[in-house]
Amino acid sequence: MPRNRFTFILIPPNDGQVQEYRLTRRILALTGMVSFIFVCAFGYYFTGFYSRADHQENLSQLRAENGELLRSIEHTRGVVFELEKTMSVLREDDEKLRNYHQMEPLSADERLAGTGGSAEPPALSSALPARKRAALEDLNANILRLQREAKIQEGSFSLLEHKFRESEEGWKHFPTISPVSSEHSWVSSRFGYRSDPFTGRSAFHSGLDFAGRTGTAIYATADGTVNDAYRDTGLGNLVVINHDIEVTDETGKTYKKEGIYQTEYGHLERMLVVPGQRVTRGQQIATMGNTGRSTGPHLHYGVLYKDRRMGRKGYVDPQNFILDLPGFLEKTAGIGPTDTME
């Protein structure tokens, strides 16, 4: 047998005919090569099929996660926006409370104390698209800023609480509520210069005008003693309250400490208090009317502040003291019954 040939003998079962095959070395090598290529090609396409299926599944999962991430960012942005509005209200209340306690307001620099450092969200992948990365960085910066402001505000309120506890008795004598319910009135004219409704000339208005129906209840805005209840030429029926402090010592003796605020309630229909009478915050003292120089039923409410250090007394803007005034300001039309300039 030549050395370059191989002989294969097949012996079938059941005494079948024996078959003999003779192949050259070249044919055998070629057959092996073709078989190897076939096996490799089959394996490649088989692996690629499942790889593409896995890739498609991963792609679908990434798209779902991307949509969830965007929804989460939008939801968090909405929450942060609401927190910013809440912080704005807290800042306004903080300034009013500091004003009540004659404390210096926090400056813009103090409220932003601690600003600095990176706003980079933790473990943020640089592979994120620029739009998503920018949105996350902006959101994280806002959250960090709100955290700092909340911490500073917490400290400010802590100081205010301490100040309040030191002067808790005097706190009842600050005019901090509205003199009339927002459900039955609205602000028709504010404190400051305006056009006089009778003369048309610019003149100073010393208080807030609350318009409403005749007979609407009027309330004392703080504890105090009625100083006057009389008929004034311009303000009509007028009640004046001195918000002095009445203190009872350990022996049961009662004495008064002069307050720093005085409030006026003008154009009243009926006066329900008399001079010398003690009143408490929220107590009804009169009803709304149209007496004096007035264009319609309303209340003229004024606040006077006595600066003991300077020995002077003058009108101040009541809006800076009334904690529940925002409800009125939202309803303010700027047009309505008002009075002449005081």
Protein backbone atom coordinates (compact mmCIF):
# COMPACT_ATOMS: atom_id res chain seq x y z
CA MET A 1 0.00 0.00 0.00
CA PRO A 2 1.49 3.34 -0.92
CA ARG A 3 2.52 5.47 2.01
CA ASN A 4 0.52 8.46 0.87
CA ARG A 5 -2.85 6.66 1.08
CA PHE A 6 -5.04 5.68 4.02
CA THR A 7 -7.46 2.79 3.92
CA PHE A 8 -10.75 2.80 5.91
CA ILE A 9 -12.65 -0.48 6.26
CA LEU A 10 -16.29 -0.38 7.33
CA ILE A 11 -17.72 -3.65 8.66
CA PRO A 12 -21.50 -3.39 8.89
CA PRO A 13 -23.48 -5.43 11.44
CA ASN A 14 -25.53 -8.50 10.57
CA ASP A 15 -22.92 -9.91 8.14
CA GLY A 16 -23.34 -7.08 5.68
CA GLN A 17 -20.87 -6.42 2.90
CA VAL A 18 -17.55 -5.07 4.02
CA GLN A 19 -16.66 -1.73 2.40
CA GLU A 20 -13.19 -0.41 1.92
CA TYR A 21 -12.25 3.26 1.25
CA ARG A 22 -8.84 4.50 0.27
CA LEU A 23 -8.04 8.18 0.70
CA THR A 24 -4.93 10.07 -0.09
CA ARG A 25 -3.26 12.20 2.55
CA ARG A 26 -4.20 15.38 0.66
CA ILE A 27 -7.90 14.53 0.53
CA LEU A 28 -7.90 13.58 4.19
CA ALA A 29 -6.25 16.86 5.13
CA LEU A 30 -8.68 18.83 2.99
CA THR A 31 -11.66 17.01 4.55
CA GLY A 32 -10.37 17.78 8.04
CA MET A 33 -9.85 21.41 7.18
CA VAL A 34 -13.37 21.79 5.76
CA SER A 35 -14.80 20.10 8.85
CA PHE A 36 -12.84 22.45 11.13
CA ILE A 37 -14.01 25.52 9.23
CA PHE A 38 -17.60 24.34 9.40
CA VAL A 39 -17.41 23.76 13.14
CA CYS A 40 -15.83 27.19 13.72
CA ALA A 41 -18.39 28.95 11.53
CA PHE A 42 -21.25 27.19 13.27
CA GLY A 43 -19.85 28.09 16.68
CA TYR A 44 -19.34 31.73 15.66
CA TYR A 45 -22.86 32.22 14.38
CA PHE A 46 -24.34 30.30 17.28
CA THR A 47 -22.50 32.48 19.82
CA GLY A 48 -23.32 35.65 17.88
CA PHE A 49 -27.02 34.85 17.86
CA TYR A 50 -27.19 34.57 21.61
CA SER A 51 -24.91 37.59 22.07
CA ARG A 52 -27.22 39.71 19.94
CA ALA A 53 -30.20 38.47 21.92
CA ASP A 54 -28.46 39.38 25.20
CA HIS A 55 -27.47 42.77 23.77
CA GLN A 56 -31.05 43.52 22.75
CA GLU A 57 -32.28 42.54 26.20
CA ASN A 58 -29.66 44.73 27.89
CA LEU A 59 -30.55 47.61 25.56
CA SER A 60 -34.24 47.34 26.47
CA GLN A 61 -33.35 47.28 30.16
CA LEU A 62 -31.12 50.35 29.78
CA ARG A 63 -33.91 52.21 28.00
CA ALA A 64 -36.32 51.36 30.81
CA GLU A 65 -33.77 52.48 33.43
CA ASN A 66 -33.13 55.68 31.46
CA GLY A 67 -36.84 56.50 31.42
CA GLU A 68 -37.08 55.80 35.15
CA LEU A 69 -34.06 58.04 35.78
CA LEU A 70 -35.59 60.92 33.83
CA ARG A 71 -38.90 60.55 35.68
CA SER A 72 -37.05 60.47 38.99
CA ILE A 73 -35.11 63.64 38.07
CA GLU A 74 -38.31 65.48 37.14
CA HIS A 75 -40.03 64.35 40.34
CA THR A 76 -37.07 65.41 42.47
CA ARG A 77 -36.90 68.74 40.64
CA GLY A 78 -40.55 69.32 41.54
CA VAL A 79 -39.89 68.46 45.19
CA VAL A 80 -36.91 70.83 45.26
CA PHE A 81 -39.06 73.60 43.75
CA GLU A 82 -41.66 73.15 46.51
CA LEU A 83 -38.88 73.18 49.13
CA GLU A 84 -37.54 76.42 47.67
CA LYS A 85 -40.99 78.01 48.03
CA THR A 86 -41.20 76.76 51.62
CA MET A 87 -37.75 78.17 52.39
CA SER A 88 -38.84 81.51 50.92
CA VAL A 89 -41.83 81.61 53.30
CA LEU A 90 -39.59 80.63 56.22
CA ARG A 91 -37.16 83.44 55.35
CA GLU A 92 -40.00 85.96 55.34
CA ASP A 93 -41.29 84.68 58.69
CA ASP A 94 -37.76 84.77 60.08
CA GLU A 95 -37.34 88.41 59.08
CA LYS A 96 -40.71 89.34 60.63
CA LEU A 97 -39.94 87.52 63.87
CA ARG A 98 -36.52 89.14 64.09
CA ASN A 99 -38.20 92.48 63.54
CA TYR A 100 -40.66 91.76 66.36
CA HIS A 101 -37.79 90.94 68.72
CA GLN A 102 -35.71 93.91 67.48
CA MET A 103 -32.99 91.59 66.21
CA GLU A 104 -30.78 92.28 63.20
CA PRO A 105 -31.99 90.37 60.10
CA LEU A 106 -29.73 87.75 58.56
CA SER A 107 -27.85 89.15 55.57
CA ALA A 108 -27.71 87.40 52.20
CA ASP A 109 -24.08 86.44 52.89
CA GLU A 110 -25.01 84.90 56.24
CA ARG A 111 -27.79 82.85 54.65
CA LEU A 112 -25.35 81.54 52.03
CA ALA A 113 -22.58 80.82 54.55
CA GLY A 114 -20.63 77.69 53.73
CA THR A 115 -21.16 77.93 49.98
CA GLY A 116 -18.39 76.25 48.04
CA GLY A 117 -17.01 72.88 47.10
CA SER A 118 -18.03 70.63 44.27
CA ALA A 119 -21.64 70.11 43.34
CA GLU A 120 -20.71 66.80 41.70
CA PRO A 121 -23.23 64.09 42.62
CA PRO A 122 -21.55 61.11 44.30
CA ALA A 123 -20.55 58.25 42.01
CA LEU A 124 -21.77 60.10 38.92
CA SER A 125 -20.58 58.31 35.82
CA SER A 126 -18.80 60.43 33.22
CA ALA A 127 -20.40 58.20 30.58
CA LEU A 128 -23.79 59.87 31.13
CA PRO A 129 -25.01 62.09 28.29
CA ALA A 130 -24.23 65.77 28.80
CA ARG A 131 -27.90 66.73 29.21
CA LYS A 132 -28.55 64.20 31.98
CA ARG A 133 -25.26 64.96 33.67
CA ALA A 134 -26.00 68.71 33.67
CA ALA A 135 -29.50 68.10 35.05
CA LEU A 136 -28.14 65.95 37.87
CA GLU A 137 -25.39 68.43 38.73
CA ASP A 138 -27.87 71.33 38.83
CA LEU A 139 -30.28 69.33 40.95
CA ASN A 140 -27.56 68.28 43.36
CA ALA A 141 -26.32 71.88 43.67
CA ASN A 142 -29.83 73.08 44.56
CA ILE A 143 -30.24 70.31 47.15
CA LEU A 144 -26.90 71.17 48.78
CA ARG A 145 -27.85 74.87 48.85
CA LEU A 146 -31.22 74.09 50.46
CA GLN A 147 -29.51 71.89 53.03
CA ARG A 148 -27.18 74.76 53.97
CA GLU A 149 -30.03 77.27 54.11
CA ALA A 150 -32.16 74.90 56.20
CA LYS A 151 -29.27 74.45 58.65
CA ILE A 152 -28.79 78.21 58.95
CA GLN A 153 -32.54 78.75 59.27
CA GLU A 154 -32.71 76.11 62.00
CA GLY A 155 -30.06 78.02 63.95
CA SER A 156 -31.90 81.30 63.45
CA PHE A 157 -35.19 79.85 64.67
CA SER A 158 -33.38 78.39 67.67
CA LEU A 159 -32.16 81.89 68.60
CA LEU A 160 -35.65 83.27 68.04
CA GLU A 161 -37.14 80.60 70.29
CA HIS A 162 -34.65 81.52 73.00
CA LYS A 163 -35.51 85.19 72.57
CA PHE A 164 -39.21 84.38 72.67
CA ARG A 165 -38.87 82.44 75.91
CA GLU A 166 -36.98 85.34 77.42
CA SER A 167 -39.81 87.73 76.53
CA GLU A 168 -42.79 85.36 76.34
CA GLU A 169 -45.01 87.70 78.36
CA GLY A 170 -44.23 90.61 76.07
CA TRP A 171 -44.85 88.53 72.92
CA LYS A 172 -48.60 88.71 73.45
CA HIS A 173 -48.34 92.48 73.03
CA PHE A 174 -46.97 92.45 69.49
CA PRO A 175 -49.66 93.11 66.80
CA THR A 176 -49.11 89.89 64.85
CA ILE A 177 -52.57 88.97 63.54
CA SER A 178 -54.89 90.57 61.04
CA PRO A 179 -57.62 92.79 62.53
CA VAL A 180 -60.25 91.27 60.22
CA SER A 181 -60.87 87.84 58.69
CA SER A 182 -59.63 87.29 55.14
CA GLU A 183 -62.88 85.47 54.40
CA HIS A 184 -64.86 88.69 54.78
CA SER A 185 -62.48 91.40 53.53
CA TRP A 186 -59.55 92.30 51.31
CA VAL A 187 -56.77 94.91 51.29
CA SER A 188 -57.97 97.90 49.29
CA SER A 189 -55.10 100.29 50.04
CA ARG A 190 -51.63 99.84 51.47
CA PHE A 191 -49.21 101.82 53.61
CA GLY A 192 -47.25 104.64 51.97
CA TYR A 193 -47.77 107.32 49.38
CA ARG A 194 -50.77 107.06 47.08
CA SER A 195 -53.30 109.20 45.23
CA ASP A 196 -55.82 110.70 47.65
CA PRO A 197 -59.29 109.40 46.69
CA PHE A 198 -60.84 112.80 47.48
CA THR A 199 -58.28 115.28 46.14
CA GLY A 200 -56.40 113.17 43.59
CA ARG A 201 -53.08 114.50 44.91
CA SER A 202 -50.24 112.33 46.19
CA ALA A 203 -50.36 111.99 49.97
CA PHE A 204 -49.12 109.66 52.69
CA HIS A 205 -51.37 106.82 53.88
CA SER A 206 -50.46 105.78 57.42
CA GLY A 207 -51.97 102.30 57.49
CA LEU A 208 -53.72 99.44 55.70
CA ASP A 209 -57.31 99.63 54.47
CA PHE A 210 -59.37 96.43 54.65
CA ALA A 211 -62.58 96.64 52.62
CA GLY A 212 -65.63 94.54 53.45
CA ARG A 213 -69.29 94.65 54.45
CA THR A 214 -70.70 96.89 57.12
CA GLY A 215 -70.88 94.99 60.41
CA THR A 216 -67.85 92.73 59.74
CA ALA A 217 -66.12 91.87 63.04
CA ILE A 218 -62.92 93.76 63.94
CA TYR A 219 -60.40 92.19 66.34
CA ALA A 220 -57.60 93.46 68.58
CA THR A 221 -54.29 92.38 67.07
CA ALA A 222 -52.49 92.06 70.44
CA ASP A 223 -53.04 92.30 74.17
CA GLY A 224 -53.29 95.80 75.56
CA THR A 225 -55.40 98.57 77.07
CA VAL A 226 -57.92 100.69 75.18
CA ASN A 227 -56.49 104.19 75.19
CA ASP A 228 -59.31 105.93 73.27
CA ALA A 229 -62.69 105.10 71.73
CA TYR A 230 -64.18 108.23 70.19
CA ARG A 231 -65.46 109.98 67.06
CA ASP A 232 -62.66 111.43 64.90
CA THR A 233 -63.25 113.92 62.09
CA GLY A 234 -61.30 111.97 59.46
CA LEU A 235 -61.29 108.41 60.77
CA GLY A 236 -64.85 108.41 62.09
CA ASN A 237 -65.43 106.05 65.00
CA LEU A 238 -61.92 105.25 66.18
CA VAL A 239 -60.46 102.82 68.73
CA VAL A 240 -56.84 103.23 69.86
CA ILE A 241 -55.12 100.46 71.85
CA ASN A 242 -51.86 100.80 73.77
CA HIS A 243 -50.12 97.43 73.81
CA ASP A 244 -48.58 97.79 77.22
CA ILE A 245 -47.64 94.77 79.29
CA GLU A 246 -49.61 93.87 82.38
CA VAL A 247 -47.57 91.70 84.76
CA THR A 248 -48.54 90.07 88.05
CA ASP A 249 -45.63 89.49 90.45
CA GLU A 250 -45.23 86.70 93.00
CA THR A 251 -47.15 88.69 95.61
CA GLY A 252 -50.19 88.99 93.36
CA LYS A 253 -49.63 92.66 92.67
CA THR A 254 -50.40 93.76 89.13
CA TYR A 255 -48.46 96.49 87.41
CA LYS A 256 -48.09 97.71 83.82
CA LYS A 257 -45.03 98.07 81.68
CA GLU A 258 -45.31 100.53 78.83
CA GLY A 259 -45.34 98.81 75.44
CA ILE A 260 -43.67 99.97 72.24
CA TYR A 261 -46.68 99.56 69.93
CA GLN A 262 -50.04 101.26 69.55
CA THR A 263 -52.74 100.28 67.05
CA GLU A 264 -55.61 102.28 65.54
CA TYR A 265 -58.91 101.02 64.12
CA GLY A 266 -60.88 103.62 62.17
CA HIS A 267 -64.18 104.13 60.24
CA LEU A 268 -65.97 101.74 62.62
CA GLU A 269 -69.71 101.19 62.69
CA ARG A 270 -69.86 100.21 66.37
CA MET A 271 -67.22 100.40 69.11
CA LEU A 272 -67.52 97.51 71.57
CA VAL A 273 -64.86 98.64 74.06
CA VAL A 274 -64.32 101.64 76.30
CA PRO A 275 -61.18 103.54 77.38
CA GLY A 276 -59.23 101.77 80.12
CA GLN A 277 -60.57 98.33 79.20
CA ARG A 278 -58.08 95.45 78.91
CA VAL A 279 -58.30 93.47 75.67
CA THR A 280 -56.58 90.32 74.42
CA ARG A 281 -55.35 89.31 71.00
CA GLY A 282 -58.26 88.07 68.86
CA GLN A 283 -60.95 89.73 70.99
CA GLN A 284 -63.66 91.53 69.00
CA ILE A 285 -63.50 95.26 69.68
CA ALA A 286 -65.73 96.75 66.96
CA THR A 287 -67.57 96.24 63.66
CA MET A 288 -66.61 97.59 60.25
CA GLY A 289 -68.33 100.77 59.11
CA ASN A 290 -68.27 103.77 56.80
CA THR A 291 -67.90 106.65 59.27
CA GLY A 292 -65.64 109.67 58.79
CA ARG A 293 -64.11 110.52 55.42
CA SER A 294 -64.57 107.26 53.58
CA THR A 295 -65.62 106.05 50.11
CA GLY A 296 -67.27 102.89 51.42
CA PRO A 297 -67.32 100.34 54.27
CA HIS A 298 -63.79 99.46 55.34
CA LEU A 299 -61.35 99.41 58.24
CA HIS A 300 -58.35 101.71 58.47
CA TYR A 301 -55.70 99.87 60.50
CA GLY A 302 -52.59 101.70 61.67
CA VAL A 303 -49.58 100.69 63.79
CA LEU A 304 -47.42 103.19 65.68
CA TYR A 305 -43.97 102.28 67.01
CA LYS A 306 -42.32 104.08 69.91
CA ASP A 307 -38.54 104.17 69.73
CA ARG A 308 -37.59 104.47 73.40
CA ARG A 309 -33.96 105.16 72.58
CA MET A 310 -34.80 108.09 70.30
CA GLY A 311 -37.89 109.22 72.20
CA ARG A 312 -39.93 109.29 69.00
CA LYS A 313 -43.15 107.67 67.88
CA GLY A 314 -44.37 107.18 64.34
CA TYR A 315 -46.42 105.07 61.96
CA VAL A 316 -44.90 101.89 60.56
CA ASP A 317 -46.11 99.54 57.83
CA PRO A 318 -48.57 97.03 59.41
CA GLN A 319 -47.73 94.58 56.63
CA ASN A 320 -44.35 93.95 58.31
CA PHE A 321 -46.07 92.65 61.45
CA ILE A 322 -49.11 90.64 60.39
CA LEU A 323 -48.10 86.99 60.03
CA ASP A 324 -51.32 85.95 58.26
CA LEU A 325 -51.39 88.91 55.84
CA PRO A 326 -50.26 86.91 52.72
CA GLY A 327 -53.77 85.47 52.48
CA PHE A 328 -55.06 89.02 52.11
CA LEU A 329 -52.41 90.11 49.64
CA GLU A 330 -53.30 87.26 47.28
CA LYS A 331 -56.84 88.69 47.14
CA THR A 332 -55.81 92.34 46.90
CA ALA A 333 -57.37 94.04 43.91
CA GLY A 334 -55.93 97.48 44.61
CA ILE A 335 -59.41 98.95 44.07
CA GLY A 336 -62.06 99.29 46.70
CA PRO A 337 -63.39 101.44 49.54
CA THR A 338 -60.74 103.54 51.18
CA ASP A 339 -60.29 106.67 53.24
CA THR A 340 -58.70 110.07 53.01
CA MET A 341 -55.03 110.48 53.87
CA GLU A 342 -54.11 110.44 57.53
